[in-house]
Amino acid sequence: MALWGDTKLFLCILVITFGCTVILAEIPKDCCLKVANVTIERGRIGDYRRQVAGAGCRISAAVLVTRHQRTLCVPDNEPWVQELMKHVDQLKAWCKKRKNTGKRCSGVNRQ
């Protein structure tokens, strides 16, 4: 009789584990569906993140976040985008060193 109880317990744990895996796999991801190759003034950008094709999204892109928390999708392989991302990294380091004080650090995402 104890064997039957152990089997029921094992099957319950298996069903719960499988159910959680399926639920977590269906969490929607916020992806850019298209990109705009429009240059943006670097003073407006406070953060960025990279979107990789195949990691839940269809296209690769750089997602720029403005200082007012708006997102813009741009092609990540453009030279002006690479320069902008480098500028944002330098700005984050500068603001971190100064403990995010000053007007220049307003709207910059902290590292």
PDB file of N, CA and C in Angstrom:
ATOM      1  N   MET A   1       0.820  -1.197   0.000  1.00  0.00           N
ATOM      2  CA  MET A   1       0.000   0.000   0.000  1.00  0.00           C
ATOM      3  C   MET A   1       0.861   1.257   0.000  1.00  0.00           C
ATOM      4  N   ALA A   2       1.996   1.220   0.689  1.00  0.00           N
ATOM      5  CA  ALA A   2       2.883   2.379   0.752  1.00  0.00           C
ATOM      6  C   ALA A   2       3.452   2.700  -0.630  1.00  0.00           C
ATOM      7  N   LEU A   3       3.648   1.680  -1.429  1.00  0.00           N
ATOM      8  CA  LEU A   3       4.171   1.887  -2.777  1.00  0.00           C
ATOM      9  C   LEU A   3       3.188   2.692  -3.616  1.00  0.00           C
ATOM     10  N   TRP A   4       1.898   2.417  -3.476  1.00  0.00           N
ATOM     11  CA  TRP A   4       0.867   3.160  -4.210  1.00  0.00           C
ATOM     12  C   TRP A   4       0.845   4.631  -3.789  1.00  0.00           C
ATOM     13  N   GLY A   5       1.022   4.913  -2.510  1.00  0.00           N
ATOM     14  CA  GLY A   5       1.061   6.288  -2.004  1.00  0.00           C
ATOM     15  C   GLY A   5       2.266   7.035  -2.540  1.00  0.00           C
ATOM     16  N   ASP A   6       3.416   6.364  -2.610  1.00  0.00           N
ATOM     17  CA  ASP A   6       4.623   6.976  -3.158  1.00  0.00           C
ATOM     18  C   ASP A   6       4.454   7.286  -4.647  1.00  0.00           C
ATOM     19  N   THR A   7       3.786   6.409  -5.361  1.00  0.00           N
ATOM     20  CA  THR A   7       3.547   6.616  -6.790  1.00  0.00           C
ATOM     21  C   THR A   7       2.650   7.827  -7.004  1.00  0.00           C
ATOM     22  N   LYS A   8       1.603   7.954  -6.202  1.00  0.00           N
ATOM     23  CA  LYS A   8       0.705   9.115  -6.311  1.00  0.00           C
ATOM     24  C   LYS A   8       1.464  10.417  -6.048  1.00  0.00           C
ATOM     25  N   LEU A   9       2.293  10.407  -5.017  1.00  0.00           N
ATOM     26  CA  LEU A   9       3.075  11.592  -4.675  1.00  0.00           C
ATOM     27  C   LEU A   9       4.028  11.963  -5.808  1.00  0.00           C
ATOM     28  N   PHE A  10       4.705  10.965  -6.366  1.00  0.00           N
ATOM     29  CA  PHE A  10       5.621  11.194  -7.472  1.00  0.00           C
ATOM     30  C   PHE A  10       4.888  11.774  -8.687  1.00  0.00           C
ATOM     31  N   LEU A  11       3.726  11.221  -9.010  1.00  0.00           N
ATOM     32  CA  LEU A  11       2.959  11.714 -10.154  1.00  0.00           C
ATOM     33  C   LEU A  11       2.468  13.151  -9.929  1.00  0.00           C
ATOM     34  N   CYS A  12       2.080  13.470  -8.712  1.00  0.00           N
ATOM     35  CA  CYS A  12       1.656  14.844  -8.398  1.00  0.00           C
ATOM     36  C   CYS A  12       2.808  15.824  -8.578  1.00  0.00           C
ATOM     37  N   ILE A  13       3.977  15.469  -8.070  1.00  0.00           N
ATOM     38  CA  ILE A  13       5.152  16.338  -8.219  1.00  0.00           C
ATOM     39  C   ILE A  13       5.511  16.484  -9.684  1.00  0.00           C
ATOM     40  N   LEU A  14       5.428  15.409 -10.449  1.00  0.00           N
ATOM     41  CA  LEU A  14       5.739  15.448 -11.872  1.00  0.00           C
ATOM     42  C   LEU A  14       4.776  16.367 -12.627  1.00  0.00           C
ATOM     43  N   VAL A  15       3.489  16.279 -12.341  1.00  0.00           N
ATOM     44  CA  VAL A  15       2.481  17.123 -12.994  1.00  0.00           C
ATOM     45  C   VAL A  15       2.699  18.594 -12.640  1.00  0.00           C
ATOM     46  N   ILE A  16       2.978  18.885 -11.391  1.00  0.00           N
ATOM     47  CA  ILE A  16       3.211  20.274 -10.969  1.00  0.00           C
ATOM     48  C   ILE A  16       4.460  20.835 -11.643  1.00  0.00           C
ATOM     49  N   THR A  17       5.530  20.060 -11.690  1.00  0.00           N
ATOM     50  CA  THR A  17       6.774  20.508 -12.316  1.00  0.00           C
ATOM     51  C   THR A  17       6.556  20.768 -13.806  1.00  0.00           C
ATOM     52  N   PHE A  18       5.886  19.854 -14.484  1.00  0.00           N
ATOM     53  CA  PHE A  18       5.629  20.028 -15.906  1.00  0.00           C
ATOM     54  C   PHE A  18       4.738  21.239 -16.160  1.00  0.00           C
ATOM     55  N   GLY A  19       3.730  21.430 -15.320  1.00  0.00           N
ATOM     56  CA  GLY A  19       2.828  22.578 -15.466  1.00  0.00           C
ATOM     57  C   GLY A  19       3.562  23.900 -15.301  1.00  0.00           C
ATOM     58  N   CYS A  20       4.448  23.978 -14.323  1.00  0.00           N
ATOM     59  CA  CYS A  20       5.222  25.212 -14.108  1.00  0.00           C
ATOM     60  C   CYS A  20       6.148  25.488 -15.279  1.00  0.00           C
ATOM     61  N   THR A  21       6.748  24.450 -15.846  1.00  0.00           N
ATOM     62  CA  THR A  21       7.638  24.619 -16.992  1.00  0.00           C
ATOM     63  C   THR A  21       6.870  25.162 -18.187  1.00  0.00           C
ATOM     64  N   VAL A  22       5.699  24.657 -18.439  1.00  0.00           N
ATOM     65  CA  VAL A  22       4.885  25.118 -19.566  1.00  0.00           C
ATOM     66  C   VAL A  22       4.439  26.557 -19.342  1.00  0.00           C
ATOM     67  N   ILE A  23       4.042  26.893 -18.140  1.00  0.00           N
ATOM     68  CA  ILE A  23       3.590  28.253 -17.840  1.00  0.00           C
ATOM     69  C   ILE A  23       4.731  29.241 -18.004  1.00  0.00           C
ATOM     70  N   LEU A  24       5.923  28.926 -17.492  1.00  0.00           N
ATOM     71  CA  LEU A  24       7.066  29.830 -17.611  1.00  0.00           C
ATOM     72  C   LEU A  24       7.519  29.993 -19.054  1.00  0.00           C
ATOM     73  N   ALA A  25       7.342  28.982 -19.868  1.00  0.00           N
ATOM     74  CA  ALA A  25       7.749  29.056 -21.264  1.00  0.00           C
ATOM     75  C   ALA A  25       6.844  29.992 -22.060  1.00  0.00           C
ATOM     76  N   GLU A  26       5.652  30.262 -21.568  1.00  0.00           N
ATOM     77  CA  GLU A  26       4.704  31.085 -22.299  1.00  0.00           C
ATOM     78  C   GLU A  26       4.663  32.535 -21.831  1.00  0.00           C
ATOM     79  N   ILE A  27       5.623  32.958 -21.005  1.00  0.00           N
ATOM     80  CA  ILE A  27       5.662  34.349 -20.563  1.00  0.00           C
ATOM     81  C   ILE A  27       6.046  35.209 -21.759  1.00  0.00           C
ATOM     82  N   PRO A  28       5.218  36.187 -22.105  1.00  0.00           N
ATOM     83  CA  PRO A  28       5.527  37.012 -23.272  1.00  0.00           C
ATOM     84  C   PRO A  28       6.730  37.904 -23.014  1.00  0.00           C
ATOM     85  N   LYS A  29       7.511  38.135 -24.058  1.00  0.00           N
ATOM     86  CA  LYS A  29       8.686  38.978 -23.977  1.00  0.00           C
ATOM     87  C   LYS A  29       8.422  40.221 -24.823  1.00  0.00           C
ATOM     88  N   ASP A  30       8.833  41.360 -24.323  1.00  0.00           N
ATOM     89  CA  ASP A  30       8.638  42.608 -25.046  1.00  0.00           C
ATOM     90  C   ASP A  30       9.721  42.724 -26.109  1.00  0.00           C
ATOM     91  N   CYS A  31       9.348  42.534 -27.377  1.00  0.00           N
ATOM     92  CA  CYS A  31      10.305  42.553 -28.484  1.00  0.00           C
ATOM     93  C   CYS A  31       9.983  43.670 -29.462  1.00  0.00           C
ATOM     94  N   CYS A  32      11.025  44.164 -30.105  1.00  0.00           N
ATOM     95  CA  CYS A  32      10.846  45.107 -31.212  1.00  0.00           C
ATOM     96  C   CYS A  32      10.415  44.303 -32.434  1.00  0.00           C
ATOM     97  N   LEU A  33       9.381  44.767 -33.101  1.00  0.00           N
ATOM     98  CA  LEU A  33       8.921  44.091 -34.302  1.00  0.00           C
ATOM     99  C   LEU A  33       9.544  44.683 -35.551  1.00  0.00           C
ATOM    100  N   LYS A  34       9.978  45.943 -35.441  1.00  0.00           N
ATOM    101  CA  LYS A  34      10.677  46.593 -36.547  1.00  0.00           C
ATOM    102  C   LYS A  34      11.605  47.658 -35.971  1.00  0.00           C
ATOM    103  N   VAL A  35      12.560  48.084 -36.782  1.00  0.00           N
ATOM    104  CA  VAL A  35      13.500  49.102 -36.346  1.00  0.00           C
ATOM    105  C   VAL A  35      13.397  50.320 -37.246  1.00  0.00           C
ATOM    106  N   ALA A  36      13.754  51.467 -36.697  1.00  0.00           N
ATOM    107  CA  ALA A  36      13.781  52.710 -37.459  1.00  0.00           C
ATOM    108  C   ALA A  36      15.212  53.216 -37.478  1.00  0.00           C
ATOM    109  N   ASN A  37      15.761  53.412 -38.663  1.00  0.00           N
ATOM    110  CA  ASN A  37      17.130  53.885 -38.788  1.00  0.00           C
ATOM    111  C   ASN A  37      17.132  55.414 -38.817  1.00  0.00           C
ATOM    112  N   VAL A  38      16.752  55.991 -37.703  1.00  0.00           N
ATOM    113  CA  VAL A  38      16.675  57.442 -37.559  1.00  0.00           C
ATOM    114  C   VAL A  38      17.637  57.841 -36.448  1.00  0.00           C
ATOM    115  N   THR A  39      18.561  58.747 -36.738  1.00  0.00           N
ATOM    116  CA  THR A  39      19.519  59.153 -35.709  1.00  0.00           C
ATOM    117  C   THR A  39      18.812  59.933 -34.605  1.00  0.00           C
ATOM    118  N   ILE A  40      19.286  59.741 -33.406  1.00  0.00           N
ATOM    119  CA  ILE A  40      18.676  60.340 -32.224  1.00  0.00           C
ATOM    120  C   ILE A  40      19.761  61.102 -31.472  1.00  0.00           C
ATOM    121  N   GLU A  41      19.418  62.253 -30.988  1.00  0.00           N
ATOM    122  CA  GLU A  41      20.361  63.062 -30.221  1.00  0.00           C
ATOM    123  C   GLU A  41      20.796  62.288 -28.978  1.00  0.00           C
ATOM    124  N   ARG A  42      22.093  62.168 -28.772  1.00  0.00           N
ATOM    125  CA  ARG A  42      22.592  61.321 -27.702  1.00  0.00           C
ATOM    126  C   ARG A  42      22.250  61.834 -26.306  1.00  0.00           C
ATOM    127  N   GLY A  43      21.984  63.101 -26.162  1.00  0.00           N
ATOM    128  CA  GLY A  43      21.610  63.644 -24.870  1.00  0.00           C
ATOM    129  C   GLY A  43      20.233  63.196 -24.400  1.00  0.00           C
ATOM    130  N   ARG A  44      19.434  62.659 -25.293  1.00  0.00           N
ATOM    131  CA  ARG A  44      18.087  62.201 -24.941  1.00  0.00           C
ATOM    132  C   ARG A  44      18.069  60.778 -24.385  1.00  0.00           C
ATOM    133  N   ILE A  45      19.136  60.027 -24.606  1.00  0.00           N
ATOM    134  CA  ILE A  45      19.159  58.606 -24.251  1.00  0.00           C
ATOM    135  C   ILE A  45      19.790  58.419 -22.875  1.00  0.00           C
ATOM    136  N   GLY A  46      19.100  57.640 -22.023  1.00  0.00           N
ATOM    137  CA  GLY A  46      19.591  57.365 -20.676  1.00  0.00           C
ATOM    138  C   GLY A  46      19.992  55.924 -20.457  1.00  0.00           C
ATOM    139  N   ASP A  47      19.571  55.039 -21.354  1.00  0.00           N
ATOM    140  CA  ASP A  47      19.898  53.625 -21.203  1.00  0.00           C
ATOM    141  C   ASP A  47      19.637  52.913 -22.524  1.00  0.00           C
ATOM    142  N   TYR A  48      20.094  51.679 -22.612  1.00  0.00           N
ATOM    143  CA  TYR A  48      19.812  50.836 -23.785  1.00  0.00           C
ATOM    144  C   TYR A  48      19.900  49.382 -23.361  1.00  0.00           C
ATOM    145  N   ARG A  49      19.359  48.527 -24.198  1.00  0.00           N
ATOM    146  CA  ARG A  49      19.532  47.087 -24.039  1.00  0.00           C
ATOM    147  C   ARG A  49      19.582  46.474 -25.422  1.00  0.00           C
ATOM    148  N   ARG A  50      20.195  45.331 -25.525  1.00  0.00           N
ATOM    149  CA  ARG A  50      20.293  44.634 -26.810  1.00  0.00           C
ATOM    150  C   ARG A  50      19.218  43.564 -26.898  1.00  0.00           C
ATOM    151  N   GLN A  51      18.625  43.468 -28.076  1.00  0.00           N
ATOM    152  CA  GLN A  51      17.646  42.414 -28.361  1.00  0.00           C
ATOM    153  C   GLN A  51      18.302  41.487 -29.375  1.00  0.00           C
ATOM    154  N   VAL A  52      18.360  40.213 -29.055  1.00  0.00           N
ATOM    155  CA  VAL A  52      19.037  39.248 -29.910  1.00  0.00           C
ATOM    156  C   VAL A  52      18.006  38.380 -30.619  1.00  0.00           C
ATOM    157  N   ALA A  53      18.153  38.258 -31.924  1.00  0.00           N
ATOM    158  CA  ALA A  53      17.255  37.395 -32.689  1.00  0.00           C
ATOM    159  C   ALA A  53      17.456  35.950 -32.259  1.00  0.00           C
ATOM    160  N   GLY A  54      16.365  35.232 -32.130  1.00  0.00           N
ATOM    161  CA  GLY A  54      16.443  33.834 -31.743  1.00  0.00           C
ATOM    162  C   GLY A  54      16.323  33.613 -30.242  1.00  0.00           C
ATOM    163  N   ALA A  55      16.441  34.667 -29.459  1.00  0.00           N
ATOM    164  CA  ALA A  55      16.305  34.539 -28.000  1.00  0.00           C
ATOM    165  C   ALA A  55      14.913  35.008 -27.585  1.00  0.00           C
ATOM    166  N   GLY A  56      13.905  34.583 -28.343  1.00  0.00           N
ATOM    167  CA  GLY A  56      12.528  34.962 -28.046  1.00  0.00           C
ATOM    168  C   GLY A  56      12.011  36.078 -28.935  1.00  0.00           C
ATOM    169  N   CYS A  57      12.881  36.683 -29.734  1.00  0.00           N
ATOM    170  CA  CYS A  57      12.486  37.778 -30.632  1.00  0.00           C
ATOM    171  C   CYS A  57      12.910  37.439 -32.059  1.00  0.00           C
ATOM    172  N   ARG A  58      12.207  38.011 -33.015  1.00  0.00           N
ATOM    173  CA  ARG A  58      12.484  37.703 -34.420  1.00  0.00           C
ATOM    174  C   ARG A  58      13.682  38.447 -34.991  1.00  0.00           C
ATOM    175  N   ILE A  59      13.909  39.684 -34.545  1.00  0.00           N
ATOM    176  CA  ILE A  59      14.978  40.493 -35.124  1.00  0.00           C
ATOM    177  C   ILE A  59      15.958  40.956 -34.046  1.00  0.00           C
ATOM    178  N   SER A  60      17.184  41.224 -34.473  1.00  0.00           N
ATOM    179  CA  SER A  60      18.170  41.829 -33.579  1.00  0.00           C
ATOM    180  C   SER A  60      17.998  43.337 -33.632  1.00  0.00           C
ATOM    181  N   ALA A  61      18.139  43.973 -32.492  1.00  0.00           N
ATOM    182  CA  ALA A  61      17.976  45.422 -32.430  1.00  0.00           C
ATOM    183  C   ALA A  61      18.620  45.953 -31.157  1.00  0.00           C
ATOM    184  N   ALA A  62      18.811  47.260 -31.138  1.00  0.00           N
ATOM    185  CA  ALA A  62      19.187  47.955 -29.912  1.00  0.00           C
ATOM    186  C   ALA A  62      17.944  48.709 -29.465  1.00  0.00           C
ATOM    187  N   VAL A  63      17.564  48.526 -28.221  1.00  0.00           N
ATOM    188  CA  VAL A  63      16.393  49.200 -27.677  1.00  0.00           C
ATOM    189  C   VAL A  63      16.906  50.363 -26.834  1.00  0.00           C
ATOM    190  N   LEU A  64      16.745  51.572 -27.353  1.00  0.00           N
ATOM    191  CA  LEU A  64      17.195  52.759 -26.649  1.00  0.00           C
ATOM    192  C   LEU A  64      16.083  53.236 -25.729  1.00  0.00           C
ATOM    193  N   VAL A  65      16.454  53.625 -24.521  1.00  0.00           N
ATOM    194  CA  VAL A  65      15.489  54.124 -23.546  1.00  0.00           C
ATOM    195  C   VAL A  65      15.820  55.592 -23.293  1.00  0.00           C
ATOM    196  N   THR A  66      14.846  56.449 -23.558  1.00  0.00           N
ATOM    197  CA  THR A  66      15.079  57.878 -23.366  1.00  0.00           C
ATOM    198  C   THR A  66      15.074  58.218 -21.880  1.00  0.00           C
ATOM    199  N   ARG A  67      15.469  59.423 -21.588  1.00  0.00           N
ATOM    200  CA  ARG A  67      15.487  59.872 -20.190  1.00  0.00           C
ATOM    201  C   ARG A  67      14.075  60.001 -19.629  1.00  0.00           C
ATOM    202  N   HIS A  68      13.067  59.977 -20.503  1.00  0.00           N
ATOM    203  CA  HIS A  68      11.668  60.024 -20.078  1.00  0.00           C
ATOM    204  C   HIS A  68      11.011  58.651 -20.176  1.00  0.00           C
ATOM    205  N   GLN A  69      11.859  57.586 -20.236  1.00  0.00           N
ATOM    206  CA  GLN A  69      11.430  56.181 -20.209  1.00  0.00           C
ATOM    207  C   GLN A  69      10.629  55.750 -21.439  1.00  0.00           C
ATOM    208  N   ARG A  70      10.883  56.341 -22.583  1.00  0.00           N
ATOM    209  CA  ARG A  70      10.287  55.866 -23.835  1.00  0.00           C
ATOM    210  C   ARG A  70      11.296  54.990 -24.550  1.00  0.00           C
ATOM    211  N   THR A  71      10.818  53.979 -25.246  1.00  0.00           N
ATOM    212  CA  THR A  71      11.726  53.062 -25.926  1.00  0.00           C
ATOM    213  C   THR A  71      11.700  53.286 -27.433  1.00  0.00           C
ATOM    214  N   LEU A  72      12.862  53.141 -28.033  1.00  0.00           N
ATOM    215  CA  LEU A  72      13.027  53.291 -29.468  1.00  0.00           C
ATOM    216  C   LEU A  72      13.845  52.109 -29.979  1.00  0.00           C
ATOM    217  N   CYS A  73      13.385  51.459 -31.010  1.00  0.00           N
ATOM    218  CA  CYS A  73      14.092  50.313 -31.579  1.00  0.00           C
ATOM    219  C   CYS A  73      14.884  50.764 -32.804  1.00  0.00           C
ATOM    220  N   VAL A  74      16.191  50.511 -32.757  1.00  0.00           N
ATOM    221  CA  VAL A  74      17.075  50.914 -33.852  1.00  0.00           C
ATOM    222  C   VAL A  74      17.948  49.728 -34.232  1.00  0.00           C
ATOM    223  N   PRO A  75      18.484  49.717 -35.468  1.00  0.00           N
ATOM    224  CA  PRO A  75      19.359  48.611 -35.871  1.00  0.00           C
ATOM    225  C   PRO A  75      20.651  48.626 -35.052  1.00  0.00           C
ATOM    226  N   ASP A  76      21.004  47.492 -34.487  1.00  0.00           N
ATOM    227  CA  ASP A  76      22.160  47.456 -33.593  1.00  0.00           C
ATOM    228  C   ASP A  76      23.503  47.424 -34.312  1.00  0.00           C
ATOM    229  N   ASN A  77      23.506  47.218 -35.612  1.00  0.00           N
ATOM    230  CA  ASN A  77      24.767  47.124 -36.345  1.00  0.00           C
ATOM    231  C   ASN A  77      25.191  48.441 -37.015  1.00  0.00           C
ATOM    232  N   GLU A  78      24.436  49.496 -36.833  1.00  0.00           N
ATOM    233  CA  GLU A  78      24.779  50.790 -37.432  1.00  0.00           C
ATOM    234  C   GLU A  78      25.884  51.470 -36.611  1.00  0.00           C
ATOM    235  N   PRO A  79      26.831  52.141 -37.288  1.00  0.00           N
ATOM    236  CA  PRO A  79      27.927  52.797 -36.561  1.00  0.00           C
ATOM    237  C   PRO A  79      27.447  53.861 -35.568  1.00  0.00           C
ATOM    238  N   TRP A  80      26.424  54.619 -35.927  1.00  0.00           N
ATOM    239  CA  TRP A  80      25.951  55.668 -35.015  1.00  0.00           C
ATOM    240  C   TRP A  80      25.324  55.068 -33.764  1.00  0.00           C
ATOM    241  N   VAL A  81      24.739  53.871 -33.891  1.00  0.00           N
ATOM    242  CA  VAL A  81      24.149  53.196 -32.728  1.00  0.00           C
ATOM    243  C   VAL A  81      25.262  52.681 -31.812  1.00  0.00           C
ATOM    244  N   GLN A  82      26.316  52.118 -32.404  1.00  0.00           N
ATOM    245  CA  GLN A  82      27.455  51.647 -31.613  1.00  0.00           C
ATOM    246  C   GLN A  82      28.085  52.802 -30.835  1.00  0.00           C
ATOM    247  N   GLU A  83      28.232  53.942 -31.496  1.00  0.00           N
ATOM    248  CA  GLU A  83      28.800  55.129 -30.846  1.00  0.00           C
ATOM    249  C   GLU A  83      27.889  55.625 -29.721  1.00  0.00           C
ATOM    250  N   LEU A  84      26.587  55.587 -29.950  1.00  0.00           N
ATOM    251  CA  LEU A  84      25.622  56.017 -28.942  1.00  0.00           C
ATOM    252  C   LEU A  84      25.662  55.104 -27.709  1.00  0.00           C
ATOM    253  N   MET A  85      25.747  53.803 -27.931  1.00  0.00           N
ATOM    254  CA  MET A  85      25.811  52.869 -26.814  1.00  0.00           C
ATOM    255  C   MET A  85      27.104  53.068 -26.009  1.00  0.00           C
ATOM    256  N   LYS A  86      28.193  53.327 -26.703  1.00  0.00           N
ATOM    257  CA  LYS A  86      29.456  53.592 -26.012  1.00  0.00           C
ATOM    258  C   LYS A  86      29.344  54.870 -25.169  1.00  0.00           C
ATOM    259  N   HIS A  87      28.685  55.892 -25.725  1.00  0.00           N
ATOM    260  CA  HIS A  87      28.475  57.138 -24.987  1.00  0.00           C
ATOM    261  C   HIS A  87      27.634  56.896 -23.726  1.00  0.00           C
ATOM    262  N   VAL A  88      26.581  56.096 -23.847  1.00  0.00           N
ATOM    263  CA  VAL A  88      25.719  55.812 -22.698  1.00  0.00           C
ATOM    264  C   VAL A  88      26.508  55.054 -21.621  1.00  0.00           C
ATOM    265  N   ASP A  89      27.349  54.108 -22.026  1.00  0.00           N
ATOM    266  CA  ASP A  89      28.176  53.377 -21.056  1.00  0.00           C
ATOM    267  C   ASP A  89      29.112  54.326 -20.311  1.00  0.00           C
ATOM    268  N   GLN A  90      29.716  55.260 -21.049  1.00  0.00           N
ATOM    269  CA  GLN A  90      30.608  56.240 -20.420  1.00  0.00           C
ATOM    270  C   GLN A  90      29.835  57.162 -19.481  1.00  0.00           C
ATOM    271  N   LEU A  91      28.640  57.553 -19.899  1.00  0.00           N
ATOM    272  CA  LEU A  91      27.810  58.422 -19.066  1.00  0.00           C
ATOM    273  C   LEU A  91      27.396  57.710 -17.772  1.00  0.00           C
ATOM    274  N   LYS A  92      27.045  56.438 -17.874  1.00  0.00           N
ATOM    275  CA  LYS A  92      26.684  55.664 -16.680  1.00  0.00           C
ATOM    276  C   LYS A  92      27.854  55.581 -15.712  1.00  0.00           C
ATOM    277  N   ALA A  93      29.053  55.335 -16.242  1.00  0.00           N
ATOM    278  CA  ALA A  93      30.239  55.257 -15.390  1.00  0.00           C
ATOM    279  C   ALA A  93      30.514  56.609 -14.736  1.00  0.00           C
ATOM    280  N   TRP A  94      30.366  57.682 -15.488  1.00  0.00           N
ATOM    281  CA  TRP A  94      30.591  59.037 -14.969  1.00  0.00           C
ATOM    282  C   TRP A  94      29.599  59.345 -13.854  1.00  0.00           C
ATOM    283  N   CYS A  95      28.339  59.003 -14.071  1.00  0.00           N
ATOM    284  CA  CYS A  95      27.300  59.265 -13.065  1.00  0.00           C
ATOM    285  C   CYS A  95      27.485  58.393 -11.829  1.00  0.00           C
ATOM    286  N   LYS A  96      27.908  57.153 -12.031  1.00  0.00           N
ATOM    287  CA  LYS A  96      28.128  56.257 -10.895  1.00  0.00           C
ATOM    288  C   LYS A  96      29.259  56.793 -10.016  1.00  0.00           C
ATOM    289  N   LYS A  97      30.308  57.298 -10.655  1.00  0.00           N
ATOM    290  CA  LYS A  97      31.444  57.846  -9.914  1.00  0.00           C
ATOM    291  C   LYS A  97      31.024  59.060  -9.087  1.00  0.00           C
ATOM    292  N   ARG A  98      30.057  59.811  -9.583  1.00  0.00           N
ATOM    293  CA  ARG A  98      29.589  61.016  -8.888  1.00  0.00           C
ATOM    294  C   ARG A  98      28.287  60.778  -8.118  1.00  0.00           C
ATOM    295  N   LYS A  99      27.961  59.510  -7.908  1.00  0.00           N
ATOM    296  CA  LYS A  99      26.771  59.110  -7.133  1.00  0.00           C
ATOM    297  C   LYS A  99      25.471  59.674  -7.726  1.00  0.00           C
ATOM    298  N   ASN A 100      25.402  59.738  -9.047  1.00  0.00           N
ATOM    299  CA  ASN A 100      24.208  60.152  -9.795  1.00  0.00           C
ATOM    300  C   ASN A 100      23.700  61.538  -9.410  1.00  0.00           C
ATOM    301  N   THR A 101      24.602  62.434  -9.126  1.00  0.00           N
ATOM    302  CA  THR A 101      24.200  63.804  -8.817  1.00  0.00           C
ATOM    303  C   THR A 101      24.440  64.690 -10.030  1.00  0.00           C
ATOM    304  N   GLY A 102      23.689  65.719 -10.136  1.00  0.00           N
ATOM    305  CA  GLY A 102      23.857  66.670 -11.222  1.00  0.00           C
ATOM    306  C   GLY A 102      22.833  66.487 -12.321  1.00  0.00           C
ATOM    307  N   LYS A 103      22.669  67.544 -13.080  1.00  0.00           N
ATOM    308  CA  LYS A 103      21.676  67.550 -14.148  1.00  0.00           C
ATOM    309  C   LYS A 103      22.005  66.546 -15.253  1.00  0.00           C
ATOM    310  N   ARG A 104      23.282  66.322 -15.486  1.00  0.00           N
ATOM    311  CA  ARG A 104      23.706  65.416 -16.552  1.00  0.00           C
ATOM    312  C   ARG A 104      23.260  63.972 -16.293  1.00  0.00           C
ATOM    313  N   CYS A 105      23.088  63.617 -15.038  1.00  0.00           N
ATOM    314  CA  CYS A 105      22.713  62.245 -14.671  1.00  0.00           C
ATOM    315  C   CYS A 105      21.200  62.066 -14.545  1.00  0.00           C
ATOM    316  N   SER A 106      20.440  63.103 -14.765  1.00  0.00           N
ATOM    317  CA  SER A 106      18.987  63.017 -14.665  1.00  0.00           C
ATOM    318  C   SER A 106      18.442  62.090 -15.745  1.00  0.00           C
ATOM    319  N   GLY A 107      17.729  61.062 -15.327  1.00  0.00           N
ATOM    320  CA  GLY A 107      17.123  60.121 -16.273  1.00  0.00           C
ATOM    321  C   GLY A 107      18.042  59.021 -16.744  1.00  0.00           C
ATOM    322  N   VAL A 108      19.283  58.982 -16.261  1.00  0.00           N
ATOM    323  CA  VAL A 108      20.222  57.929 -16.648  1.00  0.00           C
ATOM    324  C   VAL A 108      19.999  56.738 -15.732  1.00  0.00           C
ATOM    325  N   ASN A 109      19.845  55.566 -16.331  1.00  0.00           N
ATOM    326  CA  ASN A 109      19.625  54.353 -15.552  1.00  0.00           C
ATOM    327  C   ASN A 109      20.908  53.988 -14.817  1.00  0.00           C
ATOM    328  N   ARG A 110      20.795  53.714 -13.536  1.00  0.00           N
ATOM    329  CA  ARG A 110      21.970  53.383 -12.719  1.00  0.00           C
ATOM    330  C   ARG A 110      22.438  51.978 -13.007  1.00  0.00           C
ATOM    331  N   GLN A 111      23.736  51.783 -12.894  1.00  0.00           N
ATOM    332  CA  GLN A 111      24.312  50.452 -13.093  1.00  0.00           C
ATOM    333  C   GLN A 111      24.274  49.662 -11.828  1.00  0.00           C
TER     334      GLN A 111
END
